[in-house]
Every structure is written in C-alpha cells, then in structure tokens.
Amino acid sequence: VDPSEEKSNEVVIAELSAGLVLAFSLAMLYLAGSFTFTGKFQP
C-alpha cells in the first residue's frame, strides 16, 4: 500500500511478539468457551 514506509527491526520484532501473545490469548478464550459448553477441551 505504501512502498515508502519502512519499519525498524525493533518495531517488527515488537509486532511479532504482540501478535503471538494476542493469538495465544484468543486461543485461551476459544478453549474456555469449549470447556464451558462441553466440560472438556475438544478435541
């Protein structure tokens, strides 16, 4: 979208870390919902 934009290595690493933690948090919500309705972590 914007070829002139350039990110520093620090910003890229921070985004990778944030994406990993946010994805893990979403997965925990997914598993919590599964446990609430089925009583076990399917599958």
All heavy atoms as atom14 arrays in JSON, in Angstrom:
{
  "sequence": "VDPSEEKSNEVVIAELSAGLVLAFSLAMLYLAGSFTFTGKFQP",
  "atom14_mask": [
    [1, 1, 1, 1, 1, 1, 1, 0, 0, 0, 0, 0, 0, 0],
    [1, 1, 1, 1, 1, 1, 1, 1, 0, 0, 0, 0, 0, 0],
    [1, 1, 1, 1, 1, 1, 1, 0, 0, 0, 0, 0, 0, 0],
    [1, 1, 1, 1, 1, 1, 0, 0, 0, 0, 0, 0, 0, 0],
    [1, 1, 1, 1, 1, 1, 1, 1, 1, 0, 0, 0, 0, 0],
    [1, 1, 1, 1, 1, 1, 1, 1, 1, 0, 0, 0, 0, 0],
    [1, 1, 1, 1, 1, 1, 1, 1, 1, 0, 0, 0, 0, 0],
    [1, 1, 1, 1, 1, 1, 0, 0, 0, 0, 0, 0, 0, 0],
    [1, 1, 1, 1, 1, 1, 1, 1, 0, 0, 0, 0, 0, 0],
    [1, 1, 1, 1, 1, 1, 1, 1, 1, 0, 0, 0, 0, 0],
    [1, 1, 1, 1, 1, 1, 1, 0, 0, 0, 0, 0, 0, 0],
    [1, 1, 1, 1, 1, 1, 1, 0, 0, 0, 0, 0, 0, 0],
    [1, 1, 1, 1, 1, 1, 1, 1, 0, 0, 0, 0, 0, 0],
    [1, 1, 1, 1, 1, 0, 0, 0, 0, 0, 0, 0, 0, 0],
    [1, 1, 1, 1, 1, 1, 1, 1, 1, 0, 0, 0, 0, 0],
    [1, 1, 1, 1, 1, 1, 1, 1, 0, 0, 0, 0, 0, 0],
    [1, 1, 1, 1, 1, 1, 0, 0, 0, 0, 0, 0, 0, 0],
    [1, 1, 1, 1, 1, 0, 0, 0, 0, 0, 0, 0, 0, 0],
    [1, 1, 1, 1, 0, 0, 0, 0, 0, 0, 0, 0, 0, 0],
    [1, 1, 1, 1, 1, 1, 1, 1, 0, 0, 0, 0, 0, 0],
    [1, 1, 1, 1, 1, 1, 1, 0, 0, 0, 0, 0, 0, 0],
    [1, 1, 1, 1, 1, 1, 1, 1, 0, 0, 0, 0, 0, 0],
    [1, 1, 1, 1, 1, 0, 0, 0, 0, 0, 0, 0, 0, 0],
    [1, 1, 1, 1, 1, 1, 1, 1, 1, 1, 1, 0, 0, 0],
    [1, 1, 1, 1, 1, 1, 0, 0, 0, 0, 0, 0, 0, 0],
    [1, 1, 1, 1, 1, 1, 1, 1, 0, 0, 0, 0, 0, 0],
    [1, 1, 1, 1, 1, 0, 0, 0, 0, 0, 0, 0, 0, 0],
    [1, 1, 1, 1, 1, 1, 1, 1, 0, 0, 0, 0, 0, 0],
    [1, 1, 1, 1, 1, 1, 1, 1, 0, 0, 0, 0, 0, 0],
    [1, 1, 1, 1, 1, 1, 1, 1, 1, 1, 1, 1, 0, 0],
    [1, 1, 1, 1, 1, 1, 1, 1, 0, 0, 0, 0, 0, 0],
    [1, 1, 1, 1, 1, 0, 0, 0, 0, 0, 0, 0, 0, 0],
    [1, 1, 1, 1, 0, 0, 0, 0, 0, 0, 0, 0, 0, 0],
    [1, 1, 1, 1, 1, 1, 0, 0, 0, 0, 0, 0, 0, 0],
    [1, 1, 1, 1, 1, 1, 1, 1, 1, 1, 1, 0, 0, 0],
    [1, 1, 1, 1, 1, 1, 1, 0, 0, 0, 0, 0, 0, 0],
    [1, 1, 1, 1, 1, 1, 1, 1, 1, 1, 1, 0, 0, 0],
    [1, 1, 1, 1, 1, 1, 1, 0, 0, 0, 0, 0, 0, 0],
    [1, 1, 1, 1, 0, 0, 0, 0, 0, 0, 0, 0, 0, 0],
    [1, 1, 1, 1, 1, 1, 1, 1, 1, 0, 0, 0, 0, 0],
    [1, 1, 1, 1, 1, 1, 1, 1, 1, 1, 1, 0, 0, 0],
    [1, 1, 1, 1, 1, 1, 1, 1, 1, 0, 0, 0, 0, 0],
    [1, 1, 1, 1, 1, 1, 1, 0, 0, 0, 0, 0, 0, 0]
  ],
  "atom14_positions": [
    [[0.83, -1.21, 0.0], [0.0, 0.0, 0.0], [0.86, 1.26, 0.0], [0.58, 2.22, -0.7], [-0.95, -0.01, 1.22], [-1.7, 1.31, 1.33], [-1.93, -1.16, 1.09], [0.0, 0.0, 0.0], [0.0, 0.0, 0.0], [0.0, 0.0, 0.0], [0.0, 0.0, 0.0], [0.0, 0.0, 0.0], [0.0, 0.0, 0.0], [0.0, 0.0, 0.0]],
    [[1.94, 1.27, 0.8], [2.8, 2.44, 0.92], [4.26, 1.99, 0.84], [4.88, 1.69, 1.85], [2.55, 3.17, 2.25], [3.35, 4.46, 2.36], [4.02, 4.81, 1.37], [3.31, 5.1, 3.42], [0.0, 0.0, 0.0], [0.0, 0.0, 0.0], [0.0, 0.0, 0.0], [0.0, 0.0, 0.0], [0.0, 0.0, 0.0], [0.0, 0.0, 0.0]],
    [[4.84, 1.93, -0.39], [6.2, 1.44, -0.54], [7.24, 2.29, 0.18], [8.34, 1.83, 0.45], [6.42, 1.48, -2.07], [5.06, 1.5, -2.66], [4.2, 2.24, -1.68], [0.0, 0.0, 0.0], [0.0, 0.0, 0.0], [0.0, 0.0, 0.0], [0.0, 0.0, 0.0], [0.0, 0.0, 0.0], [0.0, 0.0, 0.0], [0.0, 0.0, 0.0]],
    [[6.91, 3.57, 0.47], [7.87, 4.45, 1.12], [7.98, 4.18, 2.61], [8.93, 4.62, 3.26], [7.47, 5.92, 0.91], [6.25, 6.21, 1.55], [0.0, 0.0, 0.0], [0.0, 0.0, 0.0], [0.0, 0.0, 0.0], [0.0, 0.0, 0.0], [0.0, 0.0, 0.0], [0.0, 0.0, 0.0], [0.0, 0.0, 0.0], [0.0, 0.0, 0.0]],
    [[7.03, 3.46, 3.18], [7.06, 3.2, 4.62], [8.1, 2.13, 4.93], [8.18, 1.1, 4.28], [5.69, 2.75, 5.11], [5.65, 2.5, 6.61], [4.27, 2.09, 7.1], [3.36, 1.98, 6.25], [4.1, 1.88, 8.3], [0.0, 0.0, 0.0], [0.0, 0.0, 0.0], [0.0, 0.0, 0.0], [0.0, 0.0, 0.0], [0.0, 0.0, 0.0]],
    [[8.87, 2.4, 5.94], [9.88, 1.44, 6.36], [9.85, 1.32, 7.87], [9.84, 2.31, 8.59], [11.27, 1.89, 5.91], [12.34, 0.88, 6.25], [13.7, 1.32, 5.78], [13.83, 2.48, 5.38], [14.64, 0.51, 5.82], [0.0, 0.0, 0.0], [0.0, 0.0, 0.0], [0.0, 0.0, 0.0], [0.0, 0.0, 0.0], [0.0, 0.0, 0.0]],
    [[9.83, 0.09, 8.35], [9.8, -0.15, 9.78], [11.17, -0.61, 10.27], [11.87, -1.33, 9.57], [8.76, -1.23, 10.12], [7.32, -0.81, 9.9], [6.38, -1.91, 10.37], [4.93, -1.5, 10.19], [4.01, -2.55, 10.65], [0.0, 0.0, 0.0], [0.0, 0.0, 0.0], [0.0, 0.0, 0.0], [0.0, 0.0, 0.0], [0.0, 0.0, 0.0]],
    [[11.51, -0.18, 11.47], [12.76, -0.62, 12.07], [12.63, -2.07, 12.53], [11.53, -2.6, 12.69], [13.12, 0.28, 13.25], [12.15, 0.15, 14.28], [0.0, 0.0, 0.0], [0.0, 0.0, 0.0], [0.0, 0.0, 0.0], [0.0, 0.0, 0.0], [0.0, 0.0, 0.0], [0.0, 0.0, 0.0], [0.0, 0.0, 0.0], [0.0, 0.0, 0.0]],
    [[13.78, -2.69, 12.74], [13.77, -4.07, 13.23], [13.08, -4.18, 14.58], [12.41, -5.17, 14.88], [15.21, -4.59, 13.34], [15.88, -4.72, 11.98], [15.2, -4.91, 10.97], [17.19, -4.6, 11.95], [0.0, 0.0, 0.0], [0.0, 0.0, 0.0], [0.0, 0.0, 0.0], [0.0, 0.0, 0.0], [0.0, 0.0, 0.0], [0.0, 0.0, 0.0]],
    [[13.24, -3.13, 15.41], [12.62, -3.15, 16.73], [11.1, -3.21, 16.63], [10.43, -3.93, 17.38], [13.06, -1.93, 17.54], [14.52, -1.92, 17.96], [15.44, -1.5, 16.84], [14.93, -1.13, 15.75], [16.68, -1.54, 17.03], [0.0, 0.0, 0.0], [0.0, 0.0, 0.0], [0.0, 0.0, 0.0], [0.0, 0.0, 0.0], [0.0, 0.0, 0.0]],
    [[10.55, -2.43, 15.7], [9.09, -2.4, 15.53], [8.59, -3.74, 15.03], [7.56, -4.26, 15.5], [8.69, -1.27, 14.56], [7.21, -1.34, 14.23], [9.02, 0.1, 15.17], [0.0, 0.0, 0.0], [0.0, 0.0, 0.0], [0.0, 0.0, 0.0], [0.0, 0.0, 0.0], [0.0, 0.0, 0.0], [0.0, 0.0, 0.0], [0.0, 0.0, 0.0]],
    [[9.28, -4.33, 14.06], [8.86, -5.63, 13.51], [8.89, -6.7, 14.6], [7.95, -7.51, 14.74], [9.76, -6.03, 12.33], [9.43, -7.44, 11.87], [9.59, -5.05, 11.18], [0.0, 0.0, 0.0], [0.0, 0.0, 0.0], [0.0, 0.0, 0.0], [0.0, 0.0, 0.0], [0.0, 0.0, 0.0], [0.0, 0.0, 0.0], [0.0, 0.0, 0.0]],
    [[9.95, -6.72, 15.4], [10.05, -7.72, 16.48], [8.94, -7.5, 17.5], [8.33, -8.47, 17.99], [11.44, -7.64, 17.14], [12.52, -8.1, 16.15], [11.48, -8.5, 18.41], [13.93, -7.91, 16.65], [0.0, 0.0, 0.0], [0.0, 0.0, 0.0], [0.0, 0.0, 0.0], [0.0, 0.0, 0.0], [0.0, 0.0, 0.0], [0.0, 0.0, 0.0]],
    [[8.66, -6.23, 17.82], [7.59, -5.95, 18.78], [6.24, -6.41, 18.25], [5.41, -6.96, 19.0], [7.56, -4.45, 19.09], [0.0, 0.0, 0.0], [0.0, 0.0, 0.0], [0.0, 0.0, 0.0], [0.0, 0.0, 0.0], [0.0, 0.0, 0.0], [0.0, 0.0, 0.0], [0.0, 0.0, 0.0], [0.0, 0.0, 0.0], [0.0, 0.0, 0.0]],
    [[5.99, -6.23, 16.97], [4.72, -6.66, 16.38], [4.63, -8.19, 16.36], [3.55, -8.75, 16.59], [4.57, -6.09, 14.98], [4.31, -4.58, 14.95], [3.93, -4.09, 13.58], [4.06, -4.87, 12.61], [3.48, -2.93, 13.47], [0.0, 0.0, 0.0], [0.0, 0.0, 0.0], [0.0, 0.0, 0.0], [0.0, 0.0, 0.0], [0.0, 0.0, 0.0]],
    [[5.73, -8.86, 16.07], [5.71, -10.32, 16.11], [5.38, -10.83, 17.51], [4.57, -11.75, 17.68], [7.07, -10.87, 15.66], [7.4, -10.79, 14.17], [8.86, -11.15, 13.93], [6.5, -11.71, 13.35], [0.0, 0.0, 0.0], [0.0, 0.0, 0.0], [0.0, 0.0, 0.0], [0.0, 0.0, 0.0], [0.0, 0.0, 0.0], [0.0, 0.0, 0.0]],
    [[6.0, -10.21, 18.51], [5.74, -10.63, 19.89], [4.29, -10.35, 20.28], [3.62, -11.2, 20.89], [6.69, -9.89, 20.84], [8.04, -10.17, 20.52], [0.0, 0.0, 0.0], [0.0, 0.0, 0.0], [0.0, 0.0, 0.0], [0.0, 0.0, 0.0], [0.0, 0.0, 0.0], [0.0, 0.0, 0.0], [0.0, 0.0, 0.0], [0.0, 0.0, 0.0]],
    [[3.8, -9.15, 19.92], [2.42, -8.8, 20.27], [1.43, -9.72, 19.57], [0.44, -10.17, 20.16], [2.15, -7.34, 19.9], [0.0, 0.0, 0.0], [0.0, 0.0, 0.0], [0.0, 0.0, 0.0], [0.0, 0.0, 0.0], [0.0, 0.0, 0.0], [0.0, 0.0, 0.0], [0.0, 0.0, 0.0], [0.0, 0.0, 0.0], [0.0, 0.0, 0.0]],
    [[1.68, -10.04, 18.29], [0.79, -10.93, 17.56], [0.73, -12.32, 18.17], [-0.34, -12.93, 18.27], [0.0, 0.0, 0.0], [0.0, 0.0, 0.0], [0.0, 0.0, 0.0], [0.0, 0.0, 0.0], [0.0, 0.0, 0.0], [0.0, 0.0, 0.0], [0.0, 0.0, 0.0], [0.0, 0.0, 0.0], [0.0, 0.0, 0.0], [0.0, 0.0, 0.0]],
    [[1.9, -12.82, 18.63], [1.94, -14.14, 19.24], [1.14, -14.17, 20.55], [0.33, -15.08, 20.78], [3.39, -14.54, 19.5], [3.61, -15.9, 20.18], [3.04, -17.01, 19.32], [5.1, -16.12, 20.43], [0.0, 0.0, 0.0], [0.0, 0.0, 0.0], [0.0, 0.0, 0.0], [0.0, 0.0, 0.0], [0.0, 0.0, 0.0], [0.0, 0.0, 0.0]],
    [[1.35, -13.15, 21.39], [0.64, -13.13, 22.67], [-0.86, -12.93, 22.48], [-1.68, -13.58, 23.16], [1.23, -12.01, 23.57], [0.42, -11.88, 24.86], [2.68, -12.31, 23.9], [0.0, 0.0, 0.0], [0.0, 0.0, 0.0], [0.0, 0.0, 0.0], [0.0, 0.0, 0.0], [0.0, 0.0, 0.0], [0.0, 0.0, 0.0], [0.0, 0.0, 0.0]],
    [[-1.24, -12.06, 21.55], [-2.66, -11.85, 21.3], [-3.32, -13.11, 20.75], [-4.45, -13.45, 21.12], [-2.86, -10.68, 20.33], [-2.59, -9.28, 20.91], [-2.64, -8.24, 19.81], [-3.6, -8.95, 22.0], [0.0, 0.0, 0.0], [0.0, 0.0, 0.0], [0.0, 0.0, 0.0], [0.0, 0.0, 0.0], [0.0, 0.0, 0.0], [0.0, 0.0, 0.0]],
    [[-2.61, -13.81, 19.85], [-3.15, -15.06, 19.31], [-3.32, -16.09, 20.43], [-4.33, -16.81, 20.48], [-2.22, -15.6, 18.22], [0.0, 0.0, 0.0], [0.0, 0.0, 0.0], [0.0, 0.0, 0.0], [0.0, 0.0, 0.0], [0.0, 0.0, 0.0], [0.0, 0.0, 0.0], [0.0, 0.0, 0.0], [0.0, 0.0, 0.0], [0.0, 0.0, 0.0]],
    [[-2.35, -16.17, 21.32], [-2.46, -17.11, 22.45], [-3.66, -16.75, 23.34], [-4.4, -17.63, 23.79], [-1.17, -17.06, 23.27], [-1.18, -17.98, 24.46], [-0.99, -19.34, 24.31], [-1.38, -17.48, 25.73], [-1.0, -20.19, 25.4], [-1.39, -18.31, 26.83], [-1.2, -19.67, 26.67], [0.0, 0.0, 0.0], [0.0, 0.0, 0.0], [0.0, 0.0, 0.0]],
    [[-3.87, -15.45, 23.56], [-5.0, -15.03, 24.39], [-6.33, -15.38, 23.73], [-7.27, -15.83, 24.4], [-4.91, -13.52, 24.63], [-3.7, -13.17, 25.27], [0.0, 0.0, 0.0], [0.0, 0.0, 0.0], [0.0, 0.0, 0.0], [0.0, 0.0, 0.0], [0.0, 0.0, 0.0], [0.0, 0.0, 0.0], [0.0, 0.0, 0.0], [0.0, 0.0, 0.0]],
    [[-6.41, -15.2, 22.42], [-7.63, -15.57, 21.7], [-7.87, -17.08, 21.79], [-9.01, -17.53, 21.94], [-7.54, -15.13, 20.24], [-7.66, -13.63, 19.95], [-7.45, -13.38, 18.47], [-9.01, -13.1, 20.38], [0.0, 0.0, 0.0], [0.0, 0.0, 0.0], [0.0, 0.0, 0.0], [0.0, 0.0, 0.0], [0.0, 0.0, 0.0], [0.0, 0.0, 0.0]],
    [[-6.79, -17.84, 21.67], [-6.94, -19.3, 21.76], [-7.43, -19.71, 23.14], [-8.24, -20.64, 23.28], [-5.6, -19.97, 21.45], [0.0, 0.0, 0.0], [0.0, 0.0, 0.0], [0.0, 0.0, 0.0], [0.0, 0.0, 0.0], [0.0, 0.0, 0.0], [0.0, 0.0, 0.0], [0.0, 0.0, 0.0], [0.0, 0.0, 0.0], [0.0, 0.0, 0.0]],
    [[-6.98, -19.02, 24.17], [-7.44, -19.32, 25.52], [-8.95, -19.05, 25.65], [-9.68, -19.81, 26.3], [-6.67, -18.49, 26.55], [-5.2, -18.89, 26.7], [-4.98, -20.63, 27.21], [-4.61, -21.4, 25.63], [0.0, 0.0, 0.0], [0.0, 0.0, 0.0], [0.0, 0.0, 0.0], [0.0, 0.0, 0.0], [0.0, 0.0, 0.0], [0.0, 0.0, 0.0]],
    [[-9.4, -17.95, 25.05], [-10.84, -17.67, 25.06], [-11.61, -18.77, 24.32], [-12.69, -19.2, 24.75], [-11.12, -16.31, 24.42], [-10.68, -15.08, 25.22], [-10.97, -13.81, 24.43], [-11.39, -15.03, 26.57], [0.0, 0.0, 0.0], [0.0, 0.0, 0.0], [0.0, 0.0, 0.0], [0.0, 0.0, 0.0], [0.0, 0.0, 0.0], [0.0, 0.0, 0.0]],
    [[-11.05, -19.23, 23.2], [-11.68, -20.29, 22.42], [-11.78, -21.58, 23.26], [-12.83, -22.23, 23.32], [-10.85, -20.53, 21.16], [-11.3, -21.72, 20.33], [-12.34, -21.59, 19.42], [-10.67, -22.95, 20.45], [-12.75, -22.67, 18.66], [-11.06, -24.03, 19.69], [-12.1, -23.88, 18.8], [-12.5, -24.97, 18.04], [0.0, 0.0, 0.0], [0.0, 0.0, 0.0]],
    [[-10.69, -21.93, 23.93], [-10.68, -23.14, 24.74], [-11.59, -23.0, 25.96], [-12.23, -23.97, 26.38], [-9.26, -23.47, 25.18], [-8.28, -23.86, 24.05], [-6.89, -24.08, 24.61], [-8.77, -25.11, 23.33], [0.0, 0.0, 0.0], [0.0, 0.0, 0.0], [0.0, 0.0, 0.0], [0.0, 0.0, 0.0], [0.0, 0.0, 0.0], [0.0, 0.0, 0.0]],
    [[-11.62, -21.79, 26.53], [-12.5, -21.57, 27.68], [-13.96, -21.76, 27.28], [-14.77, -22.33, 28.01], [-12.27, -20.18, 28.25], [0.0, 0.0, 0.0], [0.0, 0.0, 0.0], [0.0, 0.0, 0.0], [0.0, 0.0, 0.0], [0.0, 0.0, 0.0], [0.0, 0.0, 0.0], [0.0, 0.0, 0.0], [0.0, 0.0, 0.0], [0.0, 0.0, 0.0]],
    [[-14.32, -21.27, 26.09], [-15.69, -21.46, 25.61], [-16.0, -22.92, 25.37], [-17.09, -23.42, 25.68], [0.0, 0.0, 0.0], [0.0, 0.0, 0.0], [0.0, 0.0, 0.0], [0.0, 0.0, 0.0], [0.0, 0.0, 0.0], [0.0, 0.0, 0.0], [0.0, 0.0, 0.0], [0.0, 0.0, 0.0], [0.0, 0.0, 0.0], [0.0, 0.0, 0.0]],
    [[-15.02, -23.66, 24.8], [-15.22, -25.09, 24.58], [-15.43, -25.83, 25.89], [-16.3, -26.7, 26.01], [-14.02, -25.67, 23.83], [-14.11, -27.06, 23.71], [0.0, 0.0, 0.0], [0.0, 0.0, 0.0], [0.0, 0.0, 0.0], [0.0, 0.0, 0.0], [0.0, 0.0, 0.0], [0.0, 0.0, 0.0], [0.0, 0.0, 0.0], [0.0, 0.0, 0.0]],
    [[-14.65, -25.47, 26.9], [-14.76, -26.14, 28.18], [-16.1, -25.81, 28.85], [-16.72, -26.67, 29.49], [-13.61, -25.71, 29.08], [-13.63, -26.36, 30.44], [-13.18, -27.66, 30.6], [-14.11, -25.68, 31.53], [-13.2, -28.27, 31.84], [-14.14, -26.28, 32.78], [-13.69, -27.58, 32.94], [0.0, 0.0, 0.0], [0.0, 0.0, 0.0], [0.0, 0.0, 0.0]],
    [[-16.57, -24.58, 28.7], [-17.82, -24.17, 29.32], [-19.0, -24.98, 28.8], [-19.89, -25.4, 29.56], [-18.07, -22.67, 29.08], [-16.99, -21.93, 29.65], [-19.37, -22.22, 29.7], [0.0, 0.0, 0.0], [0.0, 0.0, 0.0], [0.0, 0.0, 0.0], [0.0, 0.0, 0.0], [0.0, 0.0, 0.0], [0.0, 0.0, 0.0], [0.0, 0.0, 0.0]],
    [[-19.01, -25.24, 27.49], [-20.17, -25.91, 26.89], [-20.05, -27.43, 26.89], [-21.07, -28.13, 26.89], [-20.37, -25.42, 25.45], [-20.88, -24.01, 25.37], [-20.04, -22.97, 25.06], [-22.21, -23.73, 25.64], [-20.5, -21.67, 25.01], [-22.68, -22.42, 25.59], [-21.82, -21.4, 25.28], [0.0, 0.0, 0.0], [0.0, 0.0, 0.0], [0.0, 0.0, 0.0]],
    [[-18.87, -27.98, 26.84], [-18.72, -29.43, 26.73], [-18.12, -30.09, 27.97], [-18.18, -31.31, 28.11], [-17.82, -29.78, 25.52], [-16.5, -29.3, 25.77], [-18.36, -29.16, 24.24], [0.0, 0.0, 0.0], [0.0, 0.0, 0.0], [0.0, 0.0, 0.0], [0.0, 0.0, 0.0], [0.0, 0.0, 0.0], [0.0, 0.0, 0.0], [0.0, 0.0, 0.0]],
    [[-17.52, -29.28, 28.84], [-16.9, -29.84, 30.03], [-15.53, -30.43, 29.78], [-14.92, -30.99, 30.68], [0.0, 0.0, 0.0], [0.0, 0.0, 0.0], [0.0, 0.0, 0.0], [0.0, 0.0, 0.0], [0.0, 0.0, 0.0], [0.0, 0.0, 0.0], [0.0, 0.0, 0.0], [0.0, 0.0, 0.0], [0.0, 0.0, 0.0], [0.0, 0.0, 0.0]],
    [[-15.02, -30.3, 28.55], [-13.67, -30.77, 28.25], [-13.13, -29.98, 27.07], [-13.89, -29.34, 26.33], [-13.65, -32.26, 27.93], [-14.58, -32.67, 26.8], [-14.55, -34.19, 26.61], [-15.52, -34.6, 25.5], [-15.49, -36.06, 25.28], [0.0, 0.0, 0.0], [0.0, 0.0, 0.0], [0.0, 0.0, 0.0], [0.0, 0.0, 0.0], [0.0, 0.0, 0.0]],
    [[-11.83, -30.02, 26.91], [-11.18, -29.24, 25.86], [-11.16, -30.06, 24.57], [-10.23, -30.81, 24.3], [-9.76, -28.86, 26.27], [-9.71, -27.94, 27.45], [-9.18, -28.36, 28.66], [-10.2, -26.65, 27.36], [-9.13, -27.51, 29.74], [-10.16, -25.79, 28.44], [-9.63, -26.21, 29.64], [0.0, 0.0, 0.0], [0.0, 0.0, 0.0], [0.0, 0.0, 0.0]],
    [[-12.21, -29.93, 23.77], [-12.27, -30.64, 22.5], [-11.38, -29.93, 21.49], [-11.34, -28.7, 21.45], [-13.71, -30.66, 21.97], [-14.65, -31.51, 22.78], [-14.41, -33.0, 22.58], [-13.54, -33.39, 21.81], [-15.14, -33.83, 23.29], [0.0, 0.0, 0.0], [0.0, 0.0, 0.0], [0.0, 0.0, 0.0], [0.0, 0.0, 0.0], [0.0, 0.0, 0.0]],
    [[-10.68, -30.61, 20.61], [-10.6, -32.07, 20.51], [-9.4, -32.63, 21.24], [-8.83, -33.62, 20.81], [-10.47, -32.27, 19.01], [-9.55, -31.14, 18.6], [-9.92, -29.99, 19.49], [0.0, 0.0, 0.0], [0.0, 0.0, 0.0], [0.0, 0.0, 0.0], [0.0, 0.0, 0.0], [0.0, 0.0, 0.0], [0.0, 0.0, 0.0], [0.0, 0.0, 0.0]]
  ]
}
